[in-house]
N, C-alpha and C. Protein backbone atom coordinates (compact mmCIF):
# COMPACT_ATOMS: atom_id res chain seq x y z
N MET A 1 122.20 22.31 93.61
CA MET A 1 122.84 22.03 92.33
C MET A 1 124.14 21.25 92.53
N GLY A 2 124.98 21.69 93.45
CA GLY A 2 126.25 21.00 93.69
C GLY A 2 126.07 19.57 94.13
N ARG A 3 125.07 19.34 94.98
CA ARG A 3 124.81 17.97 95.44
C ARG A 3 124.39 17.08 94.28
N ASP A 4 123.61 17.64 93.35
CA ASP A 4 123.18 16.86 92.19
C ASP A 4 124.38 16.44 91.35
N LEU A 5 125.35 17.33 91.18
CA LEU A 5 126.54 17.00 90.41
C LEU A 5 127.36 15.93 91.10
N ILE A 6 127.48 16.03 92.41
CA ILE A 6 128.23 15.02 93.15
C ILE A 6 127.55 13.67 93.04
N ALA A 7 126.25 13.64 93.23
CA ALA A 7 125.51 12.37 93.13
C ALA A 7 125.63 11.80 91.73
N CYS A 8 125.54 12.64 90.73
CA CYS A 8 125.67 12.19 89.34
C CYS A 8 127.06 11.60 89.11
N GLY A 9 128.08 12.25 89.64
CA GLY A 9 129.44 11.75 89.49
C GLY A 9 129.64 10.42 90.15
N ARG A 10 129.04 10.22 91.32
CA ARG A 10 129.16 8.94 92.01
C ARG A 10 128.55 7.82 91.18
N GLU A 11 127.39 8.07 90.62
CA GLU A 11 126.72 7.04 89.83
C GLU A 11 127.48 6.76 88.54
N ARG A 12 128.04 7.77 87.97
CA ARG A 12 128.75 7.62 86.71
C ARG A 12 129.98 6.73 86.86
N TYR A 13 130.67 6.87 87.97
CA TYR A 13 131.91 6.13 88.17
C TYR A 13 131.76 5.00 89.18
N ARG A 14 130.55 4.60 89.46
CA ARG A 14 130.31 3.53 90.44
C ARG A 14 130.88 2.23 89.90
N ARG A 15 131.65 1.56 90.73
CA ARG A 15 132.26 0.29 90.34
C ARG A 15 131.70 -0.84 91.19
N ARG A 16 131.73 -2.01 90.66
CA ARG A 16 131.31 -3.20 91.38
C ARG A 16 132.33 -3.45 92.49
N SER A 17 131.86 -3.78 93.67
CA SER A 17 132.75 -4.06 94.79
C SER A 17 133.47 -5.37 94.57
N ILE A 18 134.77 -5.38 94.83
CA ILE A 18 135.54 -6.62 94.71
C ILE A 18 135.86 -7.18 96.09
N ARG A 19 135.20 -6.66 97.11
CA ARG A 19 135.42 -7.15 98.46
C ARG A 19 134.84 -8.55 98.62
N LEU A 20 135.53 -9.36 99.40
CA LEU A 20 135.10 -10.72 99.68
C LEU A 20 133.89 -10.66 100.61
N PRO A 21 132.76 -11.19 100.18
CA PRO A 21 131.56 -11.15 101.04
C PRO A 21 131.81 -11.86 102.37
N GLY A 22 131.42 -11.21 103.45
CA GLY A 22 131.54 -11.82 104.76
C GLY A 22 132.89 -11.66 105.43
N TYR A 23 133.89 -11.13 104.72
CA TYR A 23 135.22 -10.97 105.30
C TYR A 23 135.26 -9.70 106.14
N ASP A 24 135.85 -9.78 107.32
CA ASP A 24 135.97 -8.63 108.21
C ASP A 24 137.25 -7.87 107.88
N TYR A 25 137.13 -6.81 107.12
CA TYR A 25 138.29 -6.05 106.69
C TYR A 25 138.90 -5.21 107.82
N THR A 26 138.29 -5.23 109.00
CA THR A 26 138.88 -4.52 110.13
C THR A 26 139.82 -5.43 110.91
N SER A 27 139.88 -6.71 110.54
CA SER A 27 140.77 -7.64 111.24
C SER A 27 142.20 -7.44 110.75
N CYS A 28 143.14 -8.01 111.49
CA CYS A 28 144.55 -7.90 111.12
C CYS A 28 144.79 -8.59 109.78
N GLY A 29 145.68 -8.04 109.03
CA GLY A 29 146.00 -8.64 107.75
C GLY A 29 147.01 -7.82 106.99
N ALA A 30 147.51 -8.38 105.94
CA ALA A 30 148.45 -7.68 105.07
C ALA A 30 147.72 -7.31 103.79
N TYR A 31 148.03 -6.17 103.26
CA TYR A 31 147.35 -5.70 102.06
C TYR A 31 148.38 -5.28 101.02
N PHE A 32 148.05 -5.54 99.77
CA PHE A 32 148.86 -5.10 98.64
C PHE A 32 148.07 -4.00 97.94
N VAL A 33 148.75 -2.92 97.62
CA VAL A 33 148.11 -1.80 96.95
C VAL A 33 148.76 -1.64 95.59
N THR A 34 147.96 -1.61 94.56
CA THR A 34 148.45 -1.43 93.20
C THR A 34 147.86 -0.15 92.64
N VAL A 35 148.69 0.67 92.04
CA VAL A 35 148.24 1.90 91.42
C VAL A 35 148.61 1.86 89.95
N CYS A 36 147.64 2.09 89.09
CA CYS A 36 147.90 2.16 87.65
C CYS A 36 147.64 3.59 87.19
N THR A 37 148.50 4.10 86.36
CA THR A 37 148.32 5.45 85.84
C THR A 37 147.46 5.43 84.59
N HIS A 38 146.93 6.59 84.26
CA HIS A 38 146.13 6.73 83.05
C HIS A 38 146.96 6.33 81.84
N ARG A 39 146.43 5.43 81.06
CA ARG A 39 147.11 4.90 79.86
C ARG A 39 148.46 4.26 80.19
N ARG A 40 148.62 3.88 81.44
CA ARG A 40 149.85 3.23 81.92
C ARG A 40 151.12 4.04 81.59
N GLU A 41 150.96 5.35 81.63
CA GLU A 41 152.11 6.23 81.36
C GLU A 41 153.13 6.10 82.48
N CYS A 42 154.40 6.14 82.12
CA CYS A 42 155.50 6.01 83.09
C CYS A 42 155.79 7.36 83.73
N ILE A 43 154.91 7.78 84.61
CA ILE A 43 155.09 9.09 85.26
C ILE A 43 155.49 8.96 86.72
N LEU A 44 155.55 7.74 87.24
CA LEU A 44 155.85 7.57 88.66
C LEU A 44 157.33 7.42 88.95
N ASP A 45 158.14 7.31 87.93
CA ASP A 45 159.58 7.13 88.13
C ASP A 45 160.30 8.46 87.90
N VAL A 46 159.87 9.48 88.65
CA VAL A 46 160.48 10.80 88.52
C VAL A 46 161.18 11.16 89.82
N SER A 47 162.09 12.09 89.74
CA SER A 47 162.84 12.53 90.90
C SER A 47 161.90 13.03 91.99
N GLY A 48 162.10 12.56 93.20
CA GLY A 48 161.30 13.00 94.33
C GLY A 48 160.06 12.17 94.59
N PHE A 49 159.66 11.35 93.64
CA PHE A 49 158.44 10.54 93.80
C PHE A 49 158.56 9.59 94.98
N TYR A 50 159.69 8.93 95.09
CA TYR A 50 159.87 7.95 96.17
C TYR A 50 159.81 8.62 97.54
N ASP A 51 160.35 9.82 97.66
CA ASP A 51 160.30 10.55 98.93
C ASP A 51 158.86 10.87 99.32
N VAL A 52 158.06 11.27 98.35
CA VAL A 52 156.65 11.59 98.61
C VAL A 52 155.90 10.34 99.06
N VAL A 53 156.13 9.23 98.38
CA VAL A 53 155.45 7.98 98.74
C VAL A 53 155.88 7.52 100.13
N GLU A 54 157.16 7.60 100.43
CA GLU A 54 157.64 7.18 101.75
C GLU A 54 157.05 8.05 102.86
N GLN A 55 156.98 9.34 102.63
CA GLN A 55 156.39 10.23 103.63
C GLN A 55 154.92 9.89 103.83
N ALA A 56 154.19 9.70 102.75
CA ALA A 56 152.77 9.34 102.86
C ALA A 56 152.59 8.02 103.59
N TRP A 57 153.47 7.06 103.31
CA TRP A 57 153.41 5.75 103.97
C TRP A 57 153.53 5.90 105.48
N HIS A 58 154.50 6.69 105.91
CA HIS A 58 154.73 6.85 107.35
C HIS A 58 153.64 7.67 108.03
N GLU A 59 152.85 8.41 107.26
CA GLU A 59 151.77 9.21 107.83
C GLU A 59 150.46 8.44 107.95
N ILE A 60 150.39 7.23 107.41
CA ILE A 60 149.14 6.46 107.46
C ILE A 60 148.62 6.29 108.89
N PRO A 61 149.46 5.92 109.87
CA PRO A 61 148.93 5.76 111.24
C PRO A 61 148.38 7.05 111.85
N ILE A 62 148.80 8.19 111.35
CA ILE A 62 148.26 9.46 111.83
C ILE A 62 146.80 9.58 111.44
N HIS A 63 146.47 9.12 110.26
CA HIS A 63 145.12 9.25 109.73
C HIS A 63 144.23 8.05 110.05
N PHE A 64 144.82 6.90 110.28
CA PHE A 64 144.06 5.67 110.54
C PHE A 64 144.59 5.04 111.83
N ARG A 65 143.89 5.31 112.93
CA ARG A 65 144.31 4.77 114.22
C ARG A 65 144.30 3.25 114.18
N ASN A 66 145.06 2.65 115.06
CA ASN A 66 145.16 1.20 115.18
C ASN A 66 145.75 0.55 113.93
N THR A 67 146.51 1.32 113.17
CA THR A 67 147.18 0.79 111.99
C THR A 67 148.66 0.66 112.29
N SER A 68 149.22 -0.47 111.94
CA SER A 68 150.67 -0.63 112.06
C SER A 68 151.23 -0.91 110.68
N LEU A 69 152.41 -0.41 110.46
CA LEU A 69 153.02 -0.53 109.14
C LEU A 69 154.08 -1.61 109.12
N ASP A 70 154.26 -2.19 107.97
CA ASP A 70 155.32 -3.17 107.75
C ASP A 70 156.14 -2.63 106.59
N GLU A 71 156.84 -3.48 105.92
CA GLU A 71 157.67 -3.08 104.79
C GLU A 71 156.80 -2.70 103.60
N PHE A 72 157.39 -1.91 102.69
CA PHE A 72 156.70 -1.61 101.44
C PHE A 72 157.73 -1.55 100.32
N VAL A 73 157.27 -1.79 99.12
CA VAL A 73 158.13 -1.79 97.94
C VAL A 73 157.44 -0.98 96.86
N ILE A 74 158.21 -0.15 96.19
CA ILE A 74 157.70 0.61 95.05
C ILE A 74 158.31 -0.01 93.80
N MET A 75 157.45 -0.42 92.89
CA MET A 75 157.93 -1.06 91.66
C MET A 75 157.30 -0.36 90.45
N PRO A 76 157.86 0.76 90.04
CA PRO A 76 157.28 1.44 88.88
C PRO A 76 157.56 0.66 87.60
N ASN A 77 156.58 0.67 86.74
CA ASN A 77 156.73 0.09 85.40
C ASN A 77 157.22 -1.36 85.46
N HIS A 78 156.55 -2.18 86.24
CA HIS A 78 156.95 -3.59 86.30
C HIS A 78 155.93 -4.49 85.63
């Protein structure tokens, strides 16, 4: 039963891939990450949010080997 619900959820929210066909995403490169909140609510500009994001940023190499970090910018409500 649980597997059926998970499979149903995957199909329900399946999105078209926006990846460039033939591009090797394991190669070196710079990436931009954009996060939009539900209904574009301004909930990301709260006390402590930046500390959480910075900590998560610095933990990326722990979870993804062969990853190196560069600069990052947080721009809430821009």
